[in-house]
């Protein structure tokens, strides 16, 4: 077998291919924040993707892959406060408690203006 410079054997084609594959593999497995598949943030305004809840990913993928029709029901908008907290009785009780509860008054005073 021929020797390379300074007695180092030349790199065989197998080693070359292994090194090239390893370099490409490292580039393909980008786990940094630059990879949008790894660093994904759902945007409420985006029209390029859909958030699916209460579905098994494997089953959803099978349905998408089989080109079967899918129906999606919209999730209702979340309420900012429960309906019972809007009742007059609740609001009146809350107002009274805020005036008489010492812990609440103390915490409020500690907040300052």
PDB file of N, CA and C in Angstrom:
ATOM      1  N   UNK A   1       0.842  -1.175   0.000  1.00  0.00           N
ATOM      2  CA  UNK A   1       0.000   0.000   0.000  1.00  0.00           C
ATOM      3  C   UNK A   1       0.884   1.233   0.000  1.00  0.00           C
ATOM      4  N   UNK A   2       0.525   2.216  -0.819  1.00  0.00           N
ATOM      5  CA  UNK A   2       1.323   3.433  -0.917  1.00  0.00           C
ATOM      6  C   UNK A   2       1.122   4.280   0.320  1.00  0.00           C
ATOM      7  N   UNK A   3       2.197   4.926   0.721  1.00  0.00           N
ATOM      8  CA  UNK A   3       2.158   5.809   1.884  1.00  0.00           C
ATOM      9  C   UNK A   3       2.020   7.250   1.425  1.00  0.00           C
ATOM     10  N   UNK A   4       1.310   8.048   2.223  1.00  0.00           N
ATOM     11  CA  UNK A   4       1.162   9.464   1.938  1.00  0.00           C
ATOM     12  C   UNK A   4       2.350  10.215   2.485  1.00  0.00           C
ATOM     13  N   UNK A   5       2.253  11.553   2.539  1.00  0.00           N
ATOM     14  CA  UNK A   5       3.364  12.346   3.064  1.00  0.00           C
ATOM     15  C   UNK A   5       3.680  11.973   4.509  1.00  0.00           C
ATOM     16  N   UNK A   6       4.937  11.942   4.823  1.00  0.00           N
ATOM     17  CA  UNK A   6       5.454  11.677   6.168  1.00  0.00           C
ATOM     18  C   UNK A   6       4.962  10.345   6.716  1.00  0.00           C
ATOM     19  N   UNK A   7       4.765   9.357   5.853  1.00  0.00           N
ATOM     20  CA  UNK A   7       4.407   8.018   6.294  1.00  0.00           C
ATOM     21  C   UNK A   7       2.960   7.844   6.714  1.00  0.00           C
ATOM     22  N   UNK A   8       2.075   8.848   6.457  1.00  0.00           N
ATOM     23  CA  UNK A   8       0.653   8.745   6.817  1.00  0.00           C
ATOM     24  C   UNK A   8      -0.070   8.060   5.674  1.00  0.00           C
ATOM     25  N   UNK A   9      -0.809   6.986   5.945  1.00  0.00           N
ATOM     26  CA  UNK A   9      -1.518   6.307   4.853  1.00  0.00           C
ATOM     27  C   UNK A   9      -2.611   7.214   4.289  1.00  0.00           C
ATOM     28  N   UNK A  10      -2.838   7.150   2.967  1.00  0.00           N
ATOM     29  CA  UNK A  10      -3.867   8.006   2.378  1.00  0.00           C
ATOM     30  C   UNK A  10      -5.261   7.596   2.872  1.00  0.00           C
ATOM     31  N   UNK A  11      -6.155   8.568   2.919  1.00  0.00           N
ATOM     32  CA  UNK A  11      -7.523   8.298   3.376  1.00  0.00           C
ATOM     33  C   UNK A  11      -8.227   7.509   2.293  1.00  0.00           C
ATOM     34  N   UNK A  12      -8.829   6.378   2.680  1.00  0.00           N
ATOM     35  CA  UNK A  12      -9.545   5.558   1.726  1.00  0.00           C
ATOM     36  C   UNK A  12     -10.887   6.178   1.386  1.00  0.00           C
ATOM     37  N   UNK A  13     -11.498   5.691   0.327  1.00  0.00           N
ATOM     38  CA  UNK A  13     -12.788   6.217  -0.121  1.00  0.00           C
ATOM     39  C   UNK A  13     -13.860   5.984   0.938  1.00  0.00           C
ATOM     40  N   UNK A  14     -13.764   4.869   1.662  1.00  0.00           N
ATOM     41  CA  UNK A  14     -14.735   4.597   2.723  1.00  0.00           C
ATOM     42  C   UNK A  14     -14.662   5.653   3.823  1.00  0.00           C
ATOM     43  N   UNK A  15     -13.452   6.003   4.219  1.00  0.00           N
ATOM     44  CA  UNK A  15     -13.296   7.036   5.247  1.00  0.00           C
ATOM     45  C   UNK A  15     -13.799   8.389   4.747  1.00  0.00           C
ATOM     46  N   UNK A  16     -13.517   8.689   3.496  1.00  0.00           N
ATOM     47  CA  UNK A  16     -13.976   9.953   2.911  1.00  0.00           C
ATOM     48  C   UNK A  16     -15.502  10.041   2.930  1.00  0.00           C
ATOM     49  N   UNK A  17     -16.145   8.964   2.510  1.00  0.00           N
ATOM     50  CA  UNK A  17     -17.608   8.934   2.473  1.00  0.00           C
ATOM     51  C   UNK A  17     -18.176   9.037   3.884  1.00  0.00           C
ATOM     52  N   UNK A  18     -17.598   8.310   4.835  1.00  0.00           N
ATOM     53  CA  UNK A  18     -18.061   8.379   6.220  1.00  0.00           C
ATOM     54  C   UNK A  18     -17.941   9.801   6.769  1.00  0.00           C
ATOM     55  N   UNK A  19     -16.812  10.446   6.499  1.00  0.00           N
ATOM     56  CA  UNK A  19     -16.612  11.825   6.975  1.00  0.00           C
ATOM     57  C   UNK A  19     -17.615  12.784   6.333  1.00  0.00           C
ATOM     58  N   UNK A  20     -17.848  12.628   5.035  1.00  0.00           N
ATOM     59  CA  UNK A  20     -18.794  13.502   4.336  1.00  0.00           C
ATOM     60  C   UNK A  20     -20.202  13.313   4.875  1.00  0.00           C
ATOM     61  N   UNK A  21     -20.599  12.064   5.094  1.00  0.00           N
ATOM     62  CA  UNK A  21     -21.936  11.787   5.631  1.00  0.00           C
ATOM     63  C   UNK A  21     -22.067  12.385   7.027  1.00  0.00           C
ATOM     64  N   UNK A  22     -21.046  12.248   7.831  1.00  0.00           N
ATOM     65  CA  UNK A  22     -21.090  12.791   9.195  1.00  0.00           C
ATOM     66  C   UNK A  22     -21.213  14.319   9.177  1.00  0.00           C
ATOM     67  N   UNK A  23     -20.509  14.971   8.255  1.00  0.00           N
ATOM     68  CA  UNK A  23     -20.611  16.431   8.143  1.00  0.00           C
ATOM     69  C   UNK A  23     -22.016  16.852   7.714  1.00  0.00           C
ATOM     70  N   UNK A  24     -22.593  16.163   6.731  1.00  0.00           N
ATOM     71  CA  UNK A  24     -23.953  16.488   6.288  1.00  0.00           C
ATOM     72  C   UNK A  24     -24.969  16.190   7.378  1.00  0.00           C
ATOM     73  N   UNK A  25     -24.763  15.100   8.111  1.00  0.00           N
ATOM     74  CA  UNK A  25     -25.684  14.756   9.182  1.00  0.00           C
ATOM     75  C   UNK A  25     -25.693  15.834  10.252  1.00  0.00           C
ATOM     76  N   UNK A  26     -24.523  16.347  10.590  1.00  0.00           N
ATOM     77  CA  UNK A  26     -24.436  17.409  11.594  1.00  0.00           C
ATOM     78  C   UNK A  26     -25.166  18.667  11.116  1.00  0.00           C
ATOM     79  N   UNK A  27     -25.081  18.954   9.808  1.00  0.00           N
ATOM     80  CA  UNK A  27     -25.775  20.126   9.274  1.00  0.00           C
ATOM     81  C   UNK A  27     -27.285  19.906   9.246  1.00  0.00           C
ATOM     82  N   UNK A  28     -27.736  18.683   8.969  1.00  0.00           N
ATOM     83  CA  UNK A  28     -29.161  18.395   8.904  1.00  0.00           C
ATOM     84  C   UNK A  28     -29.813  18.378  10.283  1.00  0.00           C
ATOM     85  N   UNK A  29     -29.072  17.997  11.305  1.00  0.00           N
ATOM     86  CA  UNK A  29     -29.608  17.926  12.652  1.00  0.00           C
ATOM     87  C   UNK A  29     -29.361  19.239  13.400  1.00  0.00           C
ATOM     88  N   UNK A  30     -29.907  20.299  12.888  1.00  0.00           N
ATOM     89  CA  UNK A  30     -29.751  21.612  13.506  1.00  0.00           C
ATOM     90  C   UNK A  30     -30.731  21.727  14.667  1.00  0.00           C
ATOM     91  N   UNK A  31     -30.227  21.621  15.877  1.00  0.00           N
ATOM     92  CA  UNK A  31     -31.065  21.704  17.064  1.00  0.00           C
ATOM     93  C   UNK A  31     -31.025  23.091  17.703  1.00  0.00           C
ATOM     94  N   UNK A  32     -30.509  24.052  16.974  1.00  0.00           N
ATOM     95  CA  UNK A  32     -30.406  25.403  17.525  1.00  0.00           C
ATOM     96  C   UNK A  32     -31.721  26.155  17.341  1.00  0.00           C
ATOM     97  N   UNK A  33     -31.753  27.369  17.844  1.00  0.00           N
ATOM     98  CA  UNK A  33     -32.967  28.189  17.734  1.00  0.00           C
ATOM     99  C   UNK A  33     -33.204  28.669  16.304  1.00  0.00           C
ATOM    100  N   UNK A  34     -32.257  28.453  15.414  1.00  0.00           N
ATOM    101  CA  UNK A  34     -32.462  28.822  14.007  1.00  0.00           C
ATOM    102  C   UNK A  34     -33.408  27.868  13.301  1.00  0.00           C
ATOM    103  N   UNK A  35     -33.571  26.666  13.837  1.00  0.00           N
ATOM    104  CA  UNK A  35     -34.422  25.658  13.216  1.00  0.00           C
ATOM    105  C   UNK A  35     -35.875  25.921  13.611  1.00  0.00           C
ATOM    106  N   UNK A  36     -36.740  26.322  12.656  1.00  0.00           N
ATOM    107  CA  UNK A  36     -38.127  26.644  13.000  1.00  0.00           C
ATOM    108  C   UNK A  36     -38.945  25.435  13.444  1.00  0.00           C
ATOM    109  N   UNK A  37     -38.479  24.221  13.150  1.00  0.00           N
ATOM    110  CA  UNK A  37     -39.193  23.039  13.612  1.00  0.00           C
ATOM    111  C   UNK A  37     -38.914  22.749  15.081  1.00  0.00           C
ATOM    112  N   UNK A  38     -37.785  23.236  15.565  1.00  0.00           N
ATOM    113  CA  UNK A  38     -37.426  23.042  16.965  1.00  0.00           C
ATOM    114  C   UNK A  38     -37.855  24.254  17.790  1.00  0.00           C
ATOM    115  N   UNK A  39     -37.656  25.432  17.252  1.00  0.00           N
ATOM    116  CA  UNK A  39     -37.941  26.681  17.959  1.00  0.00           C
ATOM    117  C   UNK A  39     -39.207  27.302  17.378  1.00  0.00           C
ATOM    118  N   UNK A  40     -40.351  26.708  17.678  1.00  0.00           N
ATOM    119  CA  UNK A  40     -41.619  27.142  17.110  1.00  0.00           C
ATOM    120  C   UNK A  40     -42.416  27.914  18.147  1.00  0.00           C
ATOM    121  N   UNK A  41     -42.952  29.059  17.750  1.00  0.00           N
ATOM    122  CA  UNK A  41     -43.821  29.852  18.613  1.00  0.00           C
ATOM    123  C   UNK A  41     -45.128  30.074  17.886  1.00  0.00           C
ATOM    124  N   UNK A  42     -46.212  29.616  18.491  1.00  0.00           N
ATOM    125  CA  UNK A  42     -47.529  29.771  17.876  1.00  0.00           C
ATOM    126  C   UNK A  42     -47.947  31.235  17.959  1.00  0.00           C
ATOM    127  N   UNK A  43     -48.427  31.770  16.854  1.00  0.00           N
ATOM    128  CA  UNK A  43     -48.917  33.142  16.804  1.00  0.00           C
ATOM    129  C   UNK A  43     -50.413  33.118  16.544  1.00  0.00           C
ATOM    130  N   UNK A  44     -51.164  33.856  17.332  1.00  0.00           N
ATOM    131  CA  UNK A  44     -52.614  33.907  17.169  1.00  0.00           C
ATOM    132  C   UNK A  44     -53.002  34.556  15.837  1.00  0.00           C
ATOM    133  N   UNK A  45     -52.137  35.391  15.281  1.00  0.00           N
ATOM    134  CA  UNK A  45     -52.456  36.114  14.050  1.00  0.00           C
ATOM    135  C   UNK A  45     -52.024  35.366  12.791  1.00  0.00           C
ATOM    136  N   UNK A  46     -51.212  34.340  12.948  1.00  0.00           N
ATOM    137  CA  UNK A  46     -50.672  33.633  11.789  1.00  0.00           C
ATOM    138  C   UNK A  46     -51.761  32.863  11.055  1.00  0.00           C
ATOM    139  N   UNK A  47     -51.678  32.887   9.741  1.00  0.00           N
ATOM    140  CA  UNK A  47     -52.608  32.128   8.910  1.00  0.00           C
ATOM    141  C   UNK A  47     -51.884  30.978   8.200  1.00  0.00           C
ATOM    142  N   UNK A  48     -50.641  30.720   8.589  1.00  0.00           N
ATOM    143  CA  UNK A  48     -49.872  29.683   7.918  1.00  0.00           C
ATOM    144  C   UNK A  48     -49.883  28.344   8.654  1.00  0.00           C
ATOM    145  N   UNK A  49     -50.517  28.282   9.829  1.00  0.00           N
ATOM    146  CA  UNK A  49     -50.574  27.017  10.552  1.00  0.00           C
ATOM    147  C   UNK A  49     -51.853  26.953  11.387  1.00  0.00           C
ATOM    148  N   UNK A  50     -52.169  25.751  11.798  1.00  0.00           N
ATOM    149  CA  UNK A  50     -53.380  25.494  12.580  1.00  0.00           C
ATOM    150  C   UNK A  50     -52.973  24.771  13.851  1.00  0.00           C
ATOM    151  N   UNK A  51     -53.529  25.183  14.972  1.00  0.00           N
ATOM    152  CA  UNK A  51     -53.283  24.487  16.237  1.00  0.00           C
ATOM    153  C   UNK A  51     -54.383  23.449  16.409  1.00  0.00           C
ATOM    154  N   UNK A  52     -53.987  22.200  16.625  1.00  0.00           N
ATOM    155  CA  UNK A  52     -54.940  21.108  16.797  1.00  0.00           C
ATOM    156  C   UNK A  52     -54.847  20.635  18.242  1.00  0.00           C
ATOM    157  N   UNK A  53     -55.996  20.607  18.932  1.00  0.00           N
ATOM    158  CA  UNK A  53     -56.039  20.182  20.334  1.00  0.00           C
ATOM    159  C   UNK A  53     -56.808  18.880  20.451  1.00  0.00           C
ATOM    160  N   UNK A  54     -56.506  18.129  21.492  1.00  0.00           N
ATOM    161  CA  UNK A  54     -57.195  16.873  21.793  1.00  0.00           C
ATOM    162  C   UNK A  54     -57.162  15.887  20.629  1.00  0.00           C
ATOM    163  N   UNK A  55     -55.991  15.697  20.068  1.00  0.00           N
ATOM    164  CA  UNK A  55     -55.839  14.724  18.980  1.00  0.00           C
ATOM    165  C   UNK A  55     -54.513  14.001  19.175  1.00  0.00           C
ATOM    166  N   UNK A  56     -54.506  12.724  18.892  1.00  0.00           N
ATOM    167  CA  UNK A  56     -53.286  11.926  18.983  1.00  0.00           C
ATOM    168  C   UNK A  56     -52.465  12.208  17.726  1.00  0.00           C
ATOM    169  N   UNK A  57     -51.231  12.697  17.869  1.00  0.00           N
ATOM    170  CA  UNK A  57     -50.431  13.097  16.700  1.00  0.00           C
ATOM    171  C   UNK A  57     -50.302  12.007  15.643  1.00  0.00           C
ATOM    172  N   UNK A  58     -50.078  10.760  16.056  1.00  0.00           N
ATOM    173  CA  UNK A  58     -49.913   9.680  15.082  1.00  0.00           C
ATOM    174  C   UNK A  58     -51.184   9.466  14.269  1.00  0.00           C
ATOM    175  N   UNK A  59     -52.342   9.538  14.932  1.00  0.00           N
ATOM    176  CA  UNK A  59     -53.622   9.356  14.233  1.00  0.00           C
ATOM    177  C   UNK A  59     -53.879  10.517  13.279  1.00  0.00           C
ATOM    178  N   UNK A  60     -53.584  11.722  13.711  1.00  0.00           N
ATOM    179  CA  UNK A  60     -53.753  12.893  12.849  1.00  0.00           C
ATOM    180  C   UNK A  60     -52.853  12.783  11.628  1.00  0.00           C
ATOM    181  N   UNK A  61     -51.610  12.364  11.826  1.00  0.00           N
ATOM    182  CA  UNK A  61     -50.679  12.206  10.712  1.00  0.00           C
ATOM    183  C   UNK A  61     -51.194  11.164   9.727  1.00  0.00           C
ATOM    184  N   UNK A  62     -51.708  10.032  10.244  1.00  0.00           N
ATOM    185  CA  UNK A  62     -52.250   8.986   9.360  1.00  0.00           C
ATOM    186  C   UNK A  62     -53.399   9.524   8.514  1.00  0.00           C
ATOM    187  N   UNK A  63     -54.276  10.311   9.130  1.00  0.00           N
ATOM    188  CA  UNK A  63     -55.410  10.874   8.385  1.00  0.00           C
ATOM    189  C   UNK A  63     -54.941  11.873   7.338  1.00  0.00           C
ATOM    190  N   UNK A  64     -53.970  12.692   7.689  1.00  0.00           N
ATOM    191  CA  UNK A  64     -53.448  13.656   6.711  1.00  0.00           C
ATOM    192  C   UNK A  64     -52.752  12.942   5.564  1.00  0.00           C
ATOM    193  N   UNK A  65     -51.997  11.912   5.896  1.00  0.00           N
ATOM    194  CA  UNK A  65     -51.249  11.176   4.882  1.00  0.00           C
ATOM    195  C   UNK A  65     -52.170  10.413   3.937  1.00  0.00           C
ATOM    196  N   UNK A  66     -53.310   9.951   4.436  1.00  0.00           N
ATOM    197  CA  UNK A  66     -54.231   9.178   3.604  1.00  0.00           C
ATOM    198  C   UNK A  66     -55.139  10.070   2.762  1.00  0.00           C
ATOM    199  N   UNK A  67     -54.980  11.373   2.850  1.00  0.00           N
ATOM    200  CA  UNK A  67     -55.765  12.356   2.079  1.00  0.00           C
ATOM    201  C   UNK A  67     -57.256  12.276   2.371  1.00  0.00           C
ATOM    202  N   UNK A  68     -57.616  11.788   3.551  1.00  0.00           N
ATOM    203  CA  UNK A  68     -59.021  11.764   3.936  1.00  0.00           C
ATOM    204  C   UNK A  68     -59.446  13.163   4.356  1.00  0.00           C
ATOM    205  N   UNK A  69     -60.725  13.456   4.202  1.00  0.00           N
ATOM    206  CA  UNK A  69     -61.239  14.765   4.604  1.00  0.00           C
ATOM    207  C   UNK A  69     -61.230  14.864   6.124  1.00  0.00           C
ATOM    208  N   UNK A  70     -60.899  16.036   6.584  1.00  0.00           N
ATOM    209  CA  UNK A  70     -60.882  16.300   8.019  1.00  0.00           C
ATOM    210  C   UNK A  70     -61.785  17.486   8.316  1.00  0.00           C
ATOM    211  N   UNK A  71     -62.450  17.437   9.456  1.00  0.00           N
ATOM    212  CA  UNK A  71     -63.267  18.564   9.907  1.00  0.00           C
ATOM    213  C   UNK A  71     -62.718  19.025  11.240  1.00  0.00           C
ATOM    214  N   UNK A  72     -62.635  20.316  11.390  1.00  0.00           N
ATOM    215  CA  UNK A  72     -62.142  20.899  12.626  1.00  0.00           C
ATOM    216  C   UNK A  72     -63.211  21.806  13.212  1.00  0.00           C
ATOM    217  N   UNK A  73     -63.445  21.658  14.497  1.00  0.00           N
ATOM    218  CA  UNK A  73     -64.369  22.539  15.204  1.00  0.00           C
ATOM    219  C   UNK A  73     -63.551  23.606  15.912  1.00  0.00           C
ATOM    220  N   UNK A  74     -63.966  24.858  15.800  1.00  0.00           N
ATOM    221  CA  UNK A  74     -63.212  25.907  16.484  1.00  0.00           C
ATOM    222  C   UNK A  74     -63.388  25.807  17.999  1.00  0.00           C
ATOM    223  N   UNK A  75     -62.345  26.152  18.701  1.00  0.00           N
ATOM    224  CA  UNK A  75     -62.405  26.199  20.151  1.00  0.00           C
ATOM    225  C   UNK A  75     -63.001  27.547  20.530  1.00  0.00           C
ATOM    226  N   UNK A  76     -63.953  27.573  21.464  1.00  0.00           N
ATOM    227  CA  UNK A  76     -64.533  28.862  21.839  1.00  0.00           C
ATOM    228  C   UNK A  76     -63.494  29.789  22.457  1.00  0.00           C
ATOM    229  N   UNK A  77     -63.700  31.066  22.273  1.00  0.00           N
ATOM    230  CA  UNK A  77     -62.793  32.051  22.859  1.00  0.00           C
ATOM    231  C   UNK A  77     -62.834  31.926  24.376  1.00  0.00           C
ATOM    232  N   UNK A  78     -61.682  32.016  25.017  1.00  0.00           N
ATOM    233  CA  UNK A  78     -61.678  31.914  26.485  1.00  0.00           C
ATOM    234  C   UNK A  78     -62.336  33.143  27.115  1.00  0.00           C
ATOM    235  N   UNK A  79     -63.005  32.915  28.218  1.00  0.00           N
ATOM    236  CA  UNK A  79     -63.639  34.026  28.925  1.00  0.00           C
ATOM    237  C   UNK A  79     -62.628  34.618  29.890  1.00  0.00           C
ATOM    238  N   UNK A  80     -62.658  35.938  30.043  1.00  0.00           N
ATOM    239  CA  UNK A  80     -61.682  36.583  30.915  1.00  0.00           C
ATOM    240  C   UNK A  80     -61.993  36.353  32.389  1.00  0.00           C
ATOM    241  N   UNK A  81     -63.283  36.234  32.721  1.00  0.00           N
ATOM    242  CA  UNK A  81     -63.664  35.930  34.101  1.00  0.00           C
ATOM    243  C   UNK A  81     -64.910  35.051  34.080  1.00  0.00           C
ATOM    244  N   UNK A  82     -65.037  34.175  35.062  1.00  0.00           N
ATOM    245  CA  UNK A  82     -66.213  33.300  35.102  1.00  0.00           C
ATOM    246  C   UNK A  82     -67.511  34.105  35.206  1.00  0.00           C
ATOM    247  N   UNK A  83     -68.567  33.566  34.640  1.00  0.00           N
ATOM    248  CA  UNK A  83     -69.854  34.267  34.605  1.00  0.00           C
ATOM    249  C   UNK A  83     -70.375  34.565  36.007  1.00  0.00           C
ATOM    250  N   UNK A  84     -70.143  33.662  36.965  1.00  0.00           N
ATOM    251  CA  UNK A  84     -70.664  33.909  38.314  1.00  0.00           C
ATOM    252  C   UNK A  84     -69.965  35.075  39.002  1.00  0.00           C
ATOM    253  N   UNK A  85     -68.775  35.450  38.538  1.00  0.00           N
ATOM    254  CA  UNK A  85     -68.080  36.595  39.122  1.00  0.00           C
ATOM    255  C   UNK A  85     -68.624  37.925  38.606  1.00  0.00           C
ATOM    256  N   UNK A  86     -69.547  37.890  37.687  1.00  0.00           N
ATOM    257  CA  UNK A  86     -70.185  39.103  37.172  1.00  0.00           C
ATOM    258  C   UNK A  86     -71.535  39.358  37.834  1.00  0.00           C
ATOM    259  N   UNK A  87     -71.984  38.423  38.667  1.00  0.00           N
ATOM    260  CA  UNK A  87     -73.280  38.574  39.333  1.00  0.00           C
ATOM    261  C   UNK A  87     -73.209  39.672  40.396  1.00  0.00           C
ATOM    262  N   UNK A  88     -74.292  40.417  40.578  1.00  0.00           N
ATOM    263  CA  UNK A  88     -74.310  41.510  41.569  1.00  0.00           C
ATOM    264  C   UNK A  88     -73.966  41.049  42.986  1.00  0.00           C
ATOM    265  N   UNK A  89     -74.433  39.877  43.399  1.00  0.00           N
ATOM    266  CA  UNK A  89     -74.139  39.380  44.741  1.00  0.00           C
ATOM    267  C   UNK A  89     -72.637  39.189  44.939  1.00  0.00           C
ATOM    268  N   UNK A  90     -71.977  38.604  43.958  1.00  0.00           N
ATOM    269  CA  UNK A  90     -70.533  38.398  44.045  1.00  0.00           C
ATOM    270  C   UNK A  90     -69.795  39.734  44.107  1.00  0.00           C
ATOM    271  N   UNK A  91     -70.153  40.655  43.225  1.00  0.00           N
ATOM    272  CA  UNK A  91     -69.483  41.954  43.170  1.00  0.00           C
ATOM    273  C   UNK A  91     -69.655  42.731  44.474  1.00  0.00           C
ATOM    274  N   UNK A  92     -70.841  42.690  45.056  1.00  0.00           N
ATOM    275  CA  UNK A  92     -71.092  43.384  46.317  1.00  0.00           C
ATOM    276  C   UNK A  92     -70.287  42.756  47.447  1.00  0.00           C
ATOM    277  N   UNK A  93     -70.248  41.422  47.508  1.00  0.00           N
ATOM    278  CA  UNK A  93     -69.477  40.724  48.540  1.00  0.00           C
ATOM    279  C   UNK A  93     -67.989  41.029  48.393  1.00  0.00           C
ATOM    280  N   UNK A  94     -67.493  41.037  47.176  1.00  0.00           N
ATOM    281  CA  UNK A  94     -66.091  41.354  46.923  1.00  0.00           C
ATOM    282  C   UNK A  94     -65.761  42.771  47.380  1.00  0.00           C
ATOM    283  N   UNK A  95     -66.648  43.718  47.092  1.00  0.00           N
ATOM    284  CA  UNK A  95     -66.433  45.105  47.505  1.00  0.00           C
ATOM    285  C   UNK A  95     -66.347  45.209  49.030  1.00  0.00           C
ATOM    286  N   UNK A  96     -67.240  44.516  49.736  1.00  0.00           N
ATOM    287  CA  UNK A  96     -67.241  44.546  51.210  1.00  0.00           C
ATOM    288  C   UNK A  96     -65.973  43.913  51.771  1.00  0.00           C
ATOM    289  N   UNK A  97     -65.572  42.782  51.215  1.00  0.00           N
ATOM    290  CA  UNK A  97     -64.386  42.082  51.711  1.00  0.00           C
ATOM    291  C   UNK A  97     -63.139  42.935  51.503  1.00  0.00           C
ATOM    292  N   UNK A  98     -63.056  43.613  50.370  1.00  0.00           N
ATOM    293  CA  UNK A  98     -61.889  44.463  50.108  1.00  0.00           C
ATOM    294  C   UNK A  98     -61.772  45.578  51.137  1.00  0.00           C
ATOM    295  N   UNK A  99     -62.909  46.054  51.652  1.00  0.00           N
ATOM    296  CA  UNK A  99     -62.880  47.125  52.654  1.00  0.00           C
ATOM    297  C   UNK A  99     -62.514  46.617  54.041  1.00  0.00           C
ATOM    298  N   UNK A 100     -62.857  45.354  54.352  1.00  0.00           N
ATOM    299  CA  UNK A 100     -62.693  44.863  55.719  1.00  0.00           C
ATOM    300  C   UNK A 100     -61.552  43.868  55.901  1.00  0.00           C
ATOM    301  N   UNK A 101     -61.030  43.255  54.864  1.00  0.00           N
ATOM    302  CA  UNK A 101     -59.988  42.240  54.989  1.00  0.00           C
ATOM    303  C   UNK A 101     -58.648  42.909  55.286  1.00  0.00           C
ATOM    304  N   UNK A 102     -58.099  42.620  56.484  1.00  0.00           N
ATOM    305  CA  UNK A 102     -56.854  43.251  56.922  1.00  0.00           C
ATOM    306  C   UNK A 102     -55.659  42.854  56.048  1.00  0.00           C
ATOM    307  N   UNK A 103     -55.563  41.549  55.680  1.00  0.00           N
ATOM    308  CA  UNK A 103     -54.442  41.102  54.835  1.00  0.00           C
ATOM    309  C   UNK A 103     -54.469  41.813  53.489  1.00  0.00           C
ATOM    310  N   UNK A 104     -55.655  41.934  52.924  1.00  0.00           N
ATOM    311  CA  UNK A 104     -55.797  42.610  51.631  1.00  0.00           C
ATOM    312  C   UNK A 104     -55.403  44.076  51.758  1.00  0.00           C
ATOM    313  N   UNK A 105     -55.896  44.756  52.799  1.00  0.00           N
ATOM    314  CA  UNK A 105     -55.595  46.169  53.007  1.00  0.00           C
ATOM    315  C   UNK A 105     -54.090  46.382  53.208  1.00  0.00           C
ATOM    316  N   UNK A 106     -53.456  45.508  53.988  1.00  0.00           N
ATOM    317  CA  UNK A 106     -52.030  45.631  54.247  1.00  0.00           C
ATOM    318  C   UNK A 106     -51.227  45.440  52.950  1.00  0.00           C
ATOM    319  N   UNK A 107     -51.584  44.414  52.188  1.00  0.00           N
ATOM    320  CA  UNK A 107     -50.886  44.156  50.918  1.00  0.00           C
ATOM    321  C   UNK A 107     -51.077  45.310  49.952  1.00  0.00           C
ATOM    322  N   UNK A 108     -52.268  45.892  49.953  1.00  0.00           N
ATOM    323  CA  UNK A 108     -52.547  47.031  49.091  1.00  0.00           C
ATOM    324  C   UNK A 108     -51.718  48.242  49.498  1.00  0.00           C
ATOM    325  N   UNK A 109     -51.600  48.461  50.797  1.00  0.00           N
ATOM    326  CA  UNK A 109     -50.788  49.585  51.299  1.00  0.00           C
ATOM    327  C   UNK A 109     -49.305  49.408  50.974  1.00  0.00           C
ATOM    328  N   UNK A 110     -48.837  48.150  51.017  1.00  0.00           N
ATOM    329  CA  UNK A 110     -47.427  47.880  50.707  1.00  0.00           C
ATOM    330  C   UNK A 110     -47.116  48.131  49.226  1.00  0.00           C
ATOM    331  N   UNK A 111     -48.110  48.007  48.367  1.00  0.00           N
ATOM    332  CA  UNK A 111     -47.894  48.276  46.933  1.00  0.00           C
ATOM    333  C   UNK A 111     -47.622  49.747  46.676  1.00  0.00           C
ATOM    334  N   UNK A 112     -48.211  50.593  47.491  1.00  0.00           N
ATOM    335  CA  UNK A 112     -48.033  52.030  47.304  1.00  0.00           C
ATOM    336  C   UNK A 112     -48.868  52.522  46.138  1.00  0.00           C
ATOM    337  N   UNK A 113     -48.504  53.667  45.633  1.00  0.00           N
ATOM    338  CA  UNK A 113     -49.279  54.252  44.538  1.00  0.00           C
ATOM    339  C   UNK A 113     -48.908  53.606  43.222  1.00  0.00           C
TER     340      UNK A 113
END
